[in-house]
Amino acid sequence: MRIRSTIAVPAGCAAAALLLTAPQSQAAPAARAAPPRCAEKALTIRAKAVPADPRVVRVGVTNRGARACVVDRVPTVTFGGLDGAALPVPLPRSGGGTYLLRPGVTAHAAVRTIGDPADPEARRADSVTVAASSSQWGATFTAARLGTGSRVRVWEPVTTWWQPTAAAADRALKVSR
């Protein structure tokens, strides 16, 4: 009786060897790289108070770059001279996340700076700063430029996540148009 010698090769190694020897047309497709973070210089940020309700500020970010990129899922909104930032509504179930911005596309969010303007706890800020990502400086808008008068009243501010339209941002914040 003849004895045949064999070499045992684990299945994973055999599969890897097969992929390495397969012609290019049969090789497994490469994983797509996630879009990069948007460079701040490629973004335009706008903000304006809602004329009928100066407690609400509509913000937008436009990708002026040539390629798709991502920003934080929720804008960073801070108020000049005051501690803290507007909280997202609804609160995210997990960590942050990102929002994809294609070239030339604008994302929208709505910010409620104060629930009741007559609230005695209200603070006042000279400006509002909006950033598309927390790692960016963003753009600062004075109260006069926003259309809120000489000051922005602030108490327990909230912001929506980025939305594809201003109407969607208003609905998320339950703002009537």
C-alpha atoms as a PDB file:
ATOM      1  CA  MET A   1       0.000   0.000   0.000  1.00  0.00           C
ATOM      2  CA  ARG A   2       1.243   3.438  -0.902  1.00  0.00           C
ATOM      3  CA  ILE A   3       1.278   6.288   1.585  1.00  0.00           C
ATOM      4  CA  ARG A   4       0.533   9.722   0.202  1.00  0.00           C
ATOM      5  CA  SER A   5       1.851  12.709   2.033  1.00  0.00           C
ATOM      6  CA  THR A   6      -0.484  15.685   2.239  1.00  0.00           C
ATOM      7  CA  ILE A   7      -0.164  19.162   3.580  1.00  0.00           C
ATOM      8  CA  ALA A   8      -3.056  20.479   5.639  1.00  0.00           C
ATOM      9  CA  VAL A   9      -3.913  24.071   4.763  1.00  0.00           C
ATOM     10  CA  PRO A  10      -6.477  25.977   6.827  1.00  0.00           C
ATOM     11  CA  ALA A  11      -9.522  27.068   4.830  1.00  0.00           C
ATOM     12  CA  GLY A  12      -8.799  30.786   5.426  1.00  0.00           C
ATOM     13  CA  CYS A  13      -5.320  30.498   3.942  1.00  0.00           C
ATOM     14  CA  ALA A  14      -6.666  28.642   0.934  1.00  0.00           C
ATOM     15  CA  ALA A  15      -9.251  31.367   0.317  1.00  0.00           C
ATOM     16  CA  ALA A  16      -6.604  34.070   0.630  1.00  0.00           C
ATOM     17  CA  ALA A  17      -4.336  32.216  -1.804  1.00  0.00           C
ATOM     18  CA  LEU A  18      -7.219  31.905  -4.244  1.00  0.00           C
ATOM     19  CA  LEU A  19      -7.945  35.650  -4.063  1.00  0.00           C
ATOM     20  CA  LEU A  20      -4.293  36.530  -4.526  1.00  0.00           C
ATOM     21  CA  THR A  21      -4.042  34.377  -7.634  1.00  0.00           C
ATOM     22  CA  ALA A  22      -7.397  35.380  -9.117  1.00  0.00           C
ATOM     23  CA  PRO A  23      -7.298  37.632 -12.169  1.00  0.00           C
ATOM     24  CA  GLN A  24      -8.088  41.323 -11.507  1.00  0.00           C
ATOM     25  CA  SER A  25     -11.529  40.973 -13.078  1.00  0.00           C
ATOM     26  CA  GLN A  26     -12.460  38.305 -10.499  1.00  0.00           C
ATOM     27  CA  ALA A  27     -10.864  39.851  -7.413  1.00  0.00           C
ATOM     28  CA  ALA A  28     -13.127  40.957  -4.567  1.00  0.00           C
ATOM     29  CA  PRO A  29     -14.227  44.602  -4.892  1.00  0.00           C
ATOM     30  CA  ALA A  30     -12.344  47.058  -2.710  1.00  0.00           C
ATOM     31  CA  ALA A  31     -14.255  48.650   0.156  1.00  0.00           C
ATOM     32  CA  ARG A  32     -15.294  52.209  -0.576  1.00  0.00           C
ATOM     33  CA  ALA A  33     -13.596  54.808   1.521  1.00  0.00           C
ATOM     34  CA  ALA A  34     -15.893  56.980   3.592  1.00  0.00           C
ATOM     35  CA  PRO A  35     -16.148  60.581   2.392  1.00  0.00           C
ATOM     36  CA  PRO A  36     -13.676  62.880   4.150  1.00  0.00           C
ATOM     37  CA  ARG A  37     -14.611  65.540   6.685  1.00  0.00           C
ATOM     38  CA  CYS A  38     -15.549  68.814   5.037  1.00  0.00           C
ATOM     39  CA  ALA A  39     -12.792  71.389   5.104  1.00  0.00           C
ATOM     40  CA  GLU A  40     -14.036  74.541   6.792  1.00  0.00           C
ATOM     41  CA  LYS A  41     -12.898  76.667   3.850  1.00  0.00           C
ATOM     42  CA  ALA A  42     -15.210  74.640   1.555  1.00  0.00           C
ATOM     43  CA  LEU A  43     -18.319  75.484   3.617  1.00  0.00           C
ATOM     44  CA  THR A  44     -20.612  78.501   3.677  1.00  0.00           C
ATOM     45  CA  ILE A  45     -22.661  78.930   6.845  1.00  0.00           C
ATOM     46  CA  ARG A  46     -25.762  81.110   7.060  1.00  0.00           C
ATOM     47  CA  ALA A  47     -28.052  82.023   9.952  1.00  0.00           C
ATOM     48  CA  LYS A  48     -31.171  84.197  10.199  1.00  0.00           C
ATOM     49  CA  ALA A  49     -33.933  84.602  12.778  1.00  0.00           C
ATOM     50  CA  VAL A  50     -37.452  83.667  11.722  1.00  0.00           C
ATOM     51  CA  PRO A  51     -39.217  87.044  11.250  1.00  0.00           C
ATOM     52  CA  ALA A  52     -42.472  85.866  12.849  1.00  0.00           C
ATOM     53  CA  ASP A  53     -40.634  84.243  15.784  1.00  0.00           C
ATOM     54  CA  PRO A  54     -37.217  85.738  16.738  1.00  0.00           C
ATOM     55  CA  ARG A  55     -36.741  82.887  19.261  1.00  0.00           C
ATOM     56  CA  VAL A  56     -36.006  80.634  16.286  1.00  0.00           C
ATOM     57  CA  VAL A  57     -32.910  80.908  14.112  1.00  0.00           C
ATOM     58  CA  ARG A  58     -32.628  78.968  10.863  1.00  0.00           C
ATOM     59  CA  VAL A  59     -29.107  77.907   9.964  1.00  0.00           C
ATOM     60  CA  GLY A  60     -27.663  76.342   6.851  1.00  0.00           C
ATOM     61  CA  VAL A  61     -24.359  74.932   5.657  1.00  0.00           C
ATOM     62  CA  THR A  62     -23.469  74.608   1.961  1.00  0.00           C
ATOM     63  CA  ASN A  63     -20.673  72.475   0.521  1.00  0.00           C
ATOM     64  CA  ARG A  64     -18.886  74.680  -2.029  1.00  0.00           C
ATOM     65  CA  GLY A  65     -16.270  71.984  -2.671  1.00  0.00           C
ATOM     66  CA  ALA A  66     -16.027  69.718  -5.703  1.00  0.00           C
ATOM     67  CA  ARG A  67     -16.502  66.463  -3.758  1.00  0.00           C
ATOM     68  CA  ALA A  68     -18.913  65.046  -1.217  1.00  0.00           C
ATOM     69  CA  CYS A  69     -17.810  65.359   2.397  1.00  0.00           C
ATOM     70  CA  VAL A  70     -19.268  64.957   5.875  1.00  0.00           C
ATOM     71  CA  VAL A  71     -20.014  67.289   8.782  1.00  0.00           C
ATOM     72  CA  ASP A  72     -21.141  66.454  12.319  1.00  0.00           C
ATOM     73  CA  ARG A  73     -24.740  65.155  12.455  1.00  0.00           C
ATOM     74  CA  VAL A  74     -25.726  68.127  14.628  1.00  0.00           C
ATOM     75  CA  PRO A  75     -24.452  71.705  14.208  1.00  0.00           C
ATOM     76  CA  THR A  76     -22.500  73.245  17.059  1.00  0.00           C
ATOM     77  CA  VAL A  77     -24.349  76.400  18.129  1.00  0.00           C
ATOM     78  CA  THR A  78     -22.882  78.630  20.846  1.00  0.00           C
ATOM     79  CA  PHE A  79     -23.884  82.013  22.196  1.00  0.00           C
ATOM     80  CA  GLY A  80     -21.345  84.839  22.555  1.00  0.00           C
ATOM     81  CA  GLY A  81     -20.040  85.159  26.118  1.00  0.00           C
ATOM     82  CA  LEU A  82     -22.225  82.346  27.509  1.00  0.00           C
ATOM     83  CA  ASP A  83     -21.135  78.851  28.506  1.00  0.00           C
ATOM     84  CA  GLY A  84     -22.449  75.788  26.709  1.00  0.00           C
ATOM     85  CA  ALA A  85     -24.073  75.056  23.395  1.00  0.00           C
ATOM     86  CA  ALA A  86     -27.555  74.327  22.111  1.00  0.00           C
ATOM     87  CA  LEU A  87     -28.588  70.725  22.818  1.00  0.00           C
ATOM     88  CA  PRO A  88     -29.744  68.507  19.947  1.00  0.00           C
ATOM     89  CA  VAL A  89     -33.393  67.478  19.629  1.00  0.00           C
ATOM     90  CA  PRO A  90     -34.058  64.673  19.504  1.00  0.00           C
ATOM     91  CA  LEU A  91     -31.078  63.491  21.528  1.00  0.00           C
ATOM     92  CA  PRO A  92     -28.954  61.048  19.534  1.00  0.00           C
ATOM     93  CA  ARG A  93     -29.293  57.386  20.576  1.00  0.00           C
ATOM     94  CA  SER A  94     -25.599  56.806  20.043  1.00  0.00           C
ATOM     95  CA  GLY A  95     -22.479  58.920  19.675  1.00  0.00           C
ATOM     96  CA  GLY A  96     -22.455  61.773  17.199  1.00  0.00           C
ATOM     97  CA  GLY A  97     -22.457  60.516  13.637  1.00  0.00           C
ATOM     98  CA  THR A  98     -22.088  62.475  10.435  1.00  0.00           C
ATOM     99  CA  TYR A  99     -24.192  64.073   7.723  1.00  0.00           C
ATOM    100  CA  LEU A 100     -23.194  63.741   4.061  1.00  0.00           C
ATOM    101  CA  LEU A 101     -23.011  66.965   2.048  1.00  0.00           C
ATOM    102  CA  ARG A 102     -22.765  66.551  -1.713  1.00  0.00           C
ATOM    103  CA  PRO A 103     -21.190  69.379  -3.765  1.00  0.00           C
ATOM    104  CA  GLY A 104     -23.449  72.418  -3.988  1.00  0.00           C
ATOM    105  CA  VAL A 105     -25.950  70.999  -1.473  1.00  0.00           C
ATOM    106  CA  THR A 106     -27.183  72.854   1.627  1.00  0.00           C
ATOM    107  CA  ALA A 107     -28.157  71.197   4.908  1.00  0.00           C
ATOM    108  CA  HIS A 108     -30.570  73.015   7.227  1.00  0.00           C
ATOM    109  CA  ALA A 109     -31.180  73.150  10.985  1.00  0.00           C
ATOM    110  CA  ALA A 110     -33.410  75.190  13.278  1.00  0.00           C
ATOM    111  CA  VAL A 111     -32.369  76.563  16.672  1.00  0.00           C
ATOM    112  CA  ARG A 112     -34.722  77.665  19.439  1.00  0.00           C
ATOM    113  CA  THR A 113     -32.750  80.070  21.590  1.00  0.00           C
ATOM    114  CA  ILE A 114     -35.354  80.414  24.359  1.00  0.00           C
ATOM    115  CA  GLY A 115     -38.721  78.869  25.181  1.00  0.00           C
ATOM    116  CA  ASP A 116     -40.317  81.949  26.783  1.00  0.00           C
ATOM    117  CA  PRO A 117     -38.800  85.387  26.018  1.00  0.00           C
ATOM    118  CA  ALA A 118     -40.358  86.748  29.232  1.00  0.00           C
ATOM    119  CA  ASP A 119     -38.519  84.150  31.357  1.00  0.00           C
ATOM    120  CA  PRO A 120     -36.713  86.011  34.172  1.00  0.00           C
ATOM    121  CA  GLU A 121     -33.840  83.477  33.941  1.00  0.00           C
ATOM    122  CA  ALA A 122     -33.109  84.490  30.330  1.00  0.00           C
ATOM    123  CA  ARG A 123     -29.572  85.443  29.433  1.00  0.00           C
ATOM    124  CA  ARG A 124     -28.628  87.773  26.638  1.00  0.00           C
ATOM    125  CA  ALA A 125     -25.886  87.302  24.068  1.00  0.00           C
ATOM    126  CA  ASP A 126     -24.467  89.677  21.495  1.00  0.00           C
ATOM    127  CA  SER A 127     -23.931  86.930  18.924  1.00  0.00           C
ATOM    128  CA  VAL A 128     -24.478  83.332  17.857  1.00  0.00           C
ATOM    129  CA  THR A 129     -21.719  81.139  16.419  1.00  0.00           C
ATOM    130  CA  VAL A 130     -22.617  78.185  14.184  1.00  0.00           C
ATOM    131  CA  ALA A 131     -20.132  75.474  13.187  1.00  0.00           C
ATOM    132  CA  ALA A 132     -20.825  72.487  10.933  1.00  0.00           C
ATOM    133  CA  SER A 133     -18.431  70.370  13.019  1.00  0.00           C
ATOM    134  CA  SER A 134     -17.277  70.794  16.595  1.00  0.00           C
ATOM    135  CA  SER A 135     -13.640  70.866  15.450  1.00  0.00           C
ATOM    136  CA  GLN A 136     -14.246  73.994  13.343  1.00  0.00           C
ATOM    137  CA  TRP A 137     -14.438  77.677  14.293  1.00  0.00           C
ATOM    138  CA  GLY A 138     -17.679  78.259  12.390  1.00  0.00           C
ATOM    139  CA  ALA A 139     -19.228  81.633  11.598  1.00  0.00           C
ATOM    140  CA  THR A 140     -20.355  84.265  14.086  1.00  0.00           C
ATOM    141  CA  PHE A 141     -23.502  86.309  13.529  1.00  0.00           C
ATOM    142  CA  THR A 142     -24.333  89.419  15.565  1.00  0.00           C
ATOM    143  CA  ALA A 143     -27.815  89.792  17.000  1.00  0.00           C
ATOM    144  CA  ALA A 144     -28.499  92.656  14.563  1.00  0.00           C
ATOM    145  CA  ARG A 145     -27.361  90.549  11.581  1.00  0.00           C
ATOM    146  CA  LEU A 146     -29.574  87.652  12.744  1.00  0.00           C
ATOM    147  CA  GLY A 147     -32.576  89.952  13.080  1.00  0.00           C
ATOM    148  CA  THR A 148     -33.152  89.468  16.823  1.00  0.00           C
ATOM    149  CA  GLY A 149     -32.632  93.113  17.805  1.00  0.00           C
ATOM    150  CA  SER A 150     -29.664  94.248  19.887  1.00  0.00           C
ATOM    151  CA  ARG A 151     -29.363  90.939  21.775  1.00  0.00           C
ATOM    152  CA  VAL A 152     -30.252  87.263  21.451  1.00  0.00           C
ATOM    153  CA  ARG A 153     -32.310  85.968  24.388  1.00  0.00           C
ATOM    154  CA  VAL A 154     -31.027  82.574  25.499  1.00  0.00           C
ATOM    155  CA  TRP A 155     -32.296  79.978  27.966  1.00  0.00           C
ATOM    156  CA  GLU A 156     -32.061  76.211  27.464  1.00  0.00           C
ATOM    157  CA  PRO A 157     -31.393  76.464  23.697  1.00  0.00           C
ATOM    158  CA  VAL A 158     -31.976  73.452  21.421  1.00  0.00           C
ATOM    159  CA  THR A 159     -31.047  72.670  17.824  1.00  0.00           C
ATOM    160  CA  THR A 160     -32.232  70.112  15.302  1.00  0.00           C
ATOM    161  CA  TRP A 161     -29.989  67.696  13.468  1.00  0.00           C
ATOM    162  CA  TRP A 162     -29.032  68.718   9.934  1.00  0.00           C
ATOM    163  CA  GLN A 163     -32.009  68.245   7.627  1.00  0.00           C
ATOM    164  CA  PRO A 164     -32.310  68.227   3.807  1.00  0.00           C
ATOM    165  CA  THR A 165     -34.733  71.218   3.792  1.00  0.00           C
ATOM    166  CA  ALA A 166     -35.606  74.203   5.977  1.00  0.00           C
ATOM    167  CA  ALA A 167     -39.174  72.873   6.216  1.00  0.00           C
ATOM    168  CA  ALA A 168     -37.891  69.557   7.600  1.00  0.00           C
ATOM    169  CA  ALA A 169     -35.801  71.440  10.180  1.00  0.00           C
ATOM    170  CA  ASP A 170     -38.858  73.497  11.184  1.00  0.00           C
ATOM    171  CA  ARG A 171     -40.936  70.321  11.569  1.00  0.00           C
ATOM    172  CA  ALA A 172     -38.221  68.708  13.711  1.00  0.00           C
ATOM    173  CA  LEU A 173     -38.314  71.735  16.037  1.00  0.00           C
ATOM    174  CA  LYS A 174     -42.114  72.006  15.739  1.00  0.00           C
ATOM    175  CA  VAL A 175     -41.928  75.513  14.284  1.00  0.00           C
ATOM    176  CA  SER A 176     -44.972  76.755  12.389  1.00  0.00           C
ATOM    177  CA  ARG A 177     -44.161  78.388   9.061  1.00  0.00           C
END
